Protein backbone atom coordinates (compact mmCIF):
# COMPACT_ATOMS: atom_id res chain seq x y z
CA MET A 1 -104.42 4.71 39.51
CA LYS A 2 -103.85 4.03 43.09
CA VAL A 3 -104.50 0.41 44.37
CA ALA A 4 -104.04 -0.59 47.93
CA VAL A 5 -104.03 -3.88 50.01
CA TYR A 6 -105.07 -3.80 53.63
CA PRO A 7 -104.02 -7.17 54.90
CA GLY A 8 -104.87 -9.23 58.43
CA SER A 9 -106.35 -12.13 59.58
CA PHE A 10 -109.64 -10.09 60.47
CA ASP A 11 -110.47 -13.13 63.02
CA PRO A 12 -112.76 -11.65 64.05
CA PHE A 13 -113.23 -8.53 61.88
CA THR A 14 -113.41 -5.59 64.54
CA LEU A 15 -114.57 -1.52 64.54
CA GLY A 16 -111.03 -0.81 64.65
CA HIS A 17 -110.75 -2.88 61.17
CA ALA A 18 -113.62 -1.02 59.62
CA ASP A 19 -112.09 2.28 60.65
CA VAL A 20 -109.07 1.72 58.84
CA ILE A 21 -111.00 0.46 55.87
CA GLU A 22 -113.18 3.31 55.51
CA ARG A 23 -110.33 5.99 56.11
CA SER A 24 -107.98 4.01 53.56
CA ALA A 25 -110.84 3.56 51.02
CA LYS A 26 -110.81 7.71 50.85
CA LEU A 27 -107.35 7.51 49.85
CA VAL A 28 -107.11 5.26 46.95
CA ASP A 29 -108.82 4.35 43.82
CA LYS A 30 -109.27 0.58 44.76
CA LEU A 31 -108.79 -0.90 47.99
CA ILE A 32 -108.39 -4.70 48.37
CA VAL A 33 -109.21 -5.97 51.92
CA ALA A 34 -106.91 -9.48 51.79
CA VAL A 35 -107.57 -12.06 54.72
CA LEU A 36 -104.19 -13.83 55.56
CA ASN A 37 -104.50 -17.61 54.99
CA ASN A 38 -102.08 -18.67 57.54
CA SER A 39 -102.11 -22.44 58.08
CA ALA A 40 -99.87 -22.48 60.99
CA LYS A 41 -102.28 -20.32 63.05
CA LYS A 42 -105.54 -21.60 64.63
CA SER A 43 -108.05 -19.38 63.47
CA PHE A 44 -111.54 -19.12 65.43
CA PHE A 45 -113.49 -18.60 62.04
CA THR A 46 -112.48 -20.20 58.62
CA LEU A 47 -111.17 -18.55 55.79
CA ASP A 48 -114.48 -18.52 53.82
CA GLU A 49 -116.18 -17.24 56.92
CA ARG A 50 -113.64 -14.23 57.41
CA LEU A 51 -114.02 -13.54 53.63
CA ILE A 52 -118.07 -13.66 53.99
CA HIS A 53 -117.45 -11.12 57.38
CA ILE A 54 -115.21 -8.92 54.86
CA LYS A 55 -117.46 -8.97 51.77
CA GLU A 56 -120.62 -7.91 54.59
CA MET A 57 -118.77 -5.25 55.96
CA ILE A 58 -117.45 -3.50 52.81
CA LYS A 59 -120.77 -3.74 50.68
CA ASN A 60 -121.20 -0.20 51.00
CA ILE A 61 -117.68 0.98 49.91
CA PRO A 62 -117.82 1.01 46.08
CA ASN A 63 -113.79 1.03 45.87
CA ALA A 64 -113.28 -1.93 48.03
CA GLU A 65 -113.01 -5.29 47.48
CA ALA A 66 -112.29 -8.69 49.58
CA GLY A 67 -109.47 -11.12 48.41
CA ALA A 68 -107.58 -13.89 50.25
CA PHE A 69 -103.95 -14.45 50.22
CA SER A 70 -101.14 -17.17 51.60
CA GLY A 71 -97.54 -16.70 51.25
CA LEU A 72 -95.91 -13.33 50.90
CA LEU A 73 -97.83 -10.18 51.01
CA VAL A 74 -95.63 -8.30 48.19
CA ASP A 75 -96.62 -11.38 46.16
CA PHE A 76 -100.35 -11.00 46.34
CA ALA A 77 -99.72 -7.27 46.20
CA ARG A 78 -98.06 -7.70 42.61
CA LEU A 79 -100.51 -9.96 41.68
CA CYS A 80 -103.53 -7.30 42.48
CA GLY A 81 -101.55 -4.51 40.79
CA ALA A 82 -101.19 -3.04 44.28
CA ASN A 83 -98.70 -0.21 44.77
CA ILE A 84 -99.64 0.62 48.75
CA ILE A 85 -99.85 -1.57 51.40
CA ILE A 86 -102.37 -0.29 54.09
CA ARG A 87 -101.42 -0.86 58.10
CA GLY A 88 -103.19 0.34 61.29
CA LEU A 89 -100.99 1.23 64.32
CA ARG A 90 -102.39 1.09 67.82
CA ALA A 91 -99.40 1.56 69.72
CA LEU A 92 -95.46 2.12 69.72
CA THR A 93 -95.19 -1.74 69.99
CA ASP A 94 -97.27 -2.01 66.78
CA PHE A 95 -95.06 0.38 65.23
CA GLU A 96 -91.91 -1.53 65.84
CA TYR A 97 -92.98 -4.73 64.07
CA GLU A 98 -94.86 -3.06 61.22
CA PHE A 99 -91.76 -0.84 60.41
CA GLN A 100 -89.79 -4.02 60.42
CA MET A 101 -92.56 -5.62 58.10
CA ALA A 102 -92.46 -2.49 55.75
CA LEU A 103 -89.01 -2.41 55.38
CA THR A 104 -88.72 -6.11 54.47
CA ASN A 105 -91.36 -5.57 52.11
CA LYS A 106 -89.84 -2.43 50.54
CA SER A 107 -86.54 -4.94 50.10
CA MET A 108 -88.49 -7.17 48.16
CA ALA A 109 -90.69 -4.95 46.04
CA ASP A 110 -89.49 -1.74 45.80
CA GLU A 111 -92.43 -0.68 43.72
CA ILE A 112 -94.93 -0.81 46.76
CA ASP A 113 -94.66 1.73 49.85
CA THR A 114 -96.35 1.09 52.98
CA ILE A 115 -98.82 3.54 54.57
CA PHE A 116 -99.37 3.61 58.35
CA LEU A 117 -102.78 4.60 59.82
CA ALA A 118 -102.85 5.70 63.60
CA THR A 119 -106.13 4.13 64.95
CA ASN A 120 -109.10 6.53 66.19
CA ILE A 121 -108.38 6.83 70.03
CA GLN A 122 -111.43 5.05 70.95
CA HIS A 123 -110.18 1.48 69.00
CA LEU A 124 -106.49 2.35 70.69
CA TYR A 125 -106.93 -1.23 73.32
CA LEU A 126 -108.77 -3.18 70.56
CA SER A 127 -107.45 -6.38 69.05
CA SER A 128 -109.02 -9.61 67.60
CA SER A 129 -107.33 -11.52 70.49
CA ILE A 130 -109.11 -9.15 73.13
CA VAL A 131 -112.63 -9.64 71.25
CA LYS A 132 -112.32 -13.35 71.45
CA GLU A 133 -111.45 -13.56 75.04
CA VAL A 134 -114.20 -11.16 75.86
CA VAL A 135 -116.68 -13.20 73.89
CA ALA A 136 -115.32 -16.23 75.59
CA TYR A 137 -116.26 -15.31 78.98
CA GLY A 138 -119.57 -13.84 78.25
CA GLY A 139 -118.74 -10.56 77.79
CA ASN A 140 -120.67 -7.61 75.85
CA VAL A 141 -118.66 -6.72 72.25
CA ASP A 142 -121.00 -4.07 71.67
CA ASN A 143 -118.53 -1.31 71.50
CA MET A 144 -115.71 -3.63 69.49
CA VAL A 145 -117.30 -4.92 66.89
CA PRO A 146 -119.98 -4.66 64.00
CA PRO A 147 -123.59 -6.09 65.03
CA PHE A 148 -123.16 -8.54 61.94
CA ILE A 149 -119.87 -9.66 63.40
CA LYS A 150 -121.42 -10.25 67.26
CA SER A 151 -123.96 -12.03 65.61
CA GLU A 152 -121.46 -14.21 63.62
CA LEU A 153 -119.35 -14.51 66.93
CA MET A 154 -122.78 -15.82 68.82
CA ARG A 155 -123.76 -18.13 66.20
CA LYS A 156 -119.99 -19.53 66.17
CA LEU A 157 -119.45 -20.01 70.20
CA ALA A 158 -123.11 -21.82 70.01
CA LEU A 159 -121.92 -24.32 67.58
CA LEU A 160 -118.42 -25.04 69.58
CA SER A 161 -120.42 -25.13 72.73
CA SER A 162 -122.92 -27.58 71.06
CA ALA A 163 -119.86 -29.68 69.87
CA LYS A 164 -118.34 -29.79 73.07
CA GLU A 165 -121.42 -30.99 74.89
CA ASP A 166 -121.99 -33.49 72.35
CA ASN A 167 -118.04 -35.30 73.02
CA ARG A 168 -118.56 -34.88 76.62
CA GLY A 169 -119.22 -38.67 76.83
CA PHE A 170 -117.48 -39.77 74.07
CA GLY A 171 -114.72 -42.54 75.15
CA ARG A 172 -116.14 -43.44 78.37
């Protein structure tokens, strides 16, 4: 059985992520979309919110499921019985980093292979960081994220904006 893990922060989930998931699911028997819980990195969405987003985005892919992990990816992959790690590539700079990580993972877990999927050209420029920046300045992200994620971004921005307004008079 071919079991793959597609790891990422998914903060937020993009159309590029959706593309890699849809294509990866066709290559394996089971695909685990794994949200990295990196406490050292400040996330826009909480881990629980990102898991909800992933579950919503994969609900129509029968061989996909969501998971979360912290620590080493190869440890999580072993725990899931995965023998493949899926990584999406956008540019040559991605390849250098991803290739280094693939070799590191291989040195720790020889039984797990990494498959690189080149992004579709329409998503070449896309990253979660770019989406957050565009949204923060009121830009349109319709061609960057699924409609559900756009709604979630707007909801989160409204909450953050409301919290800032509530704290404006604090300490005066």
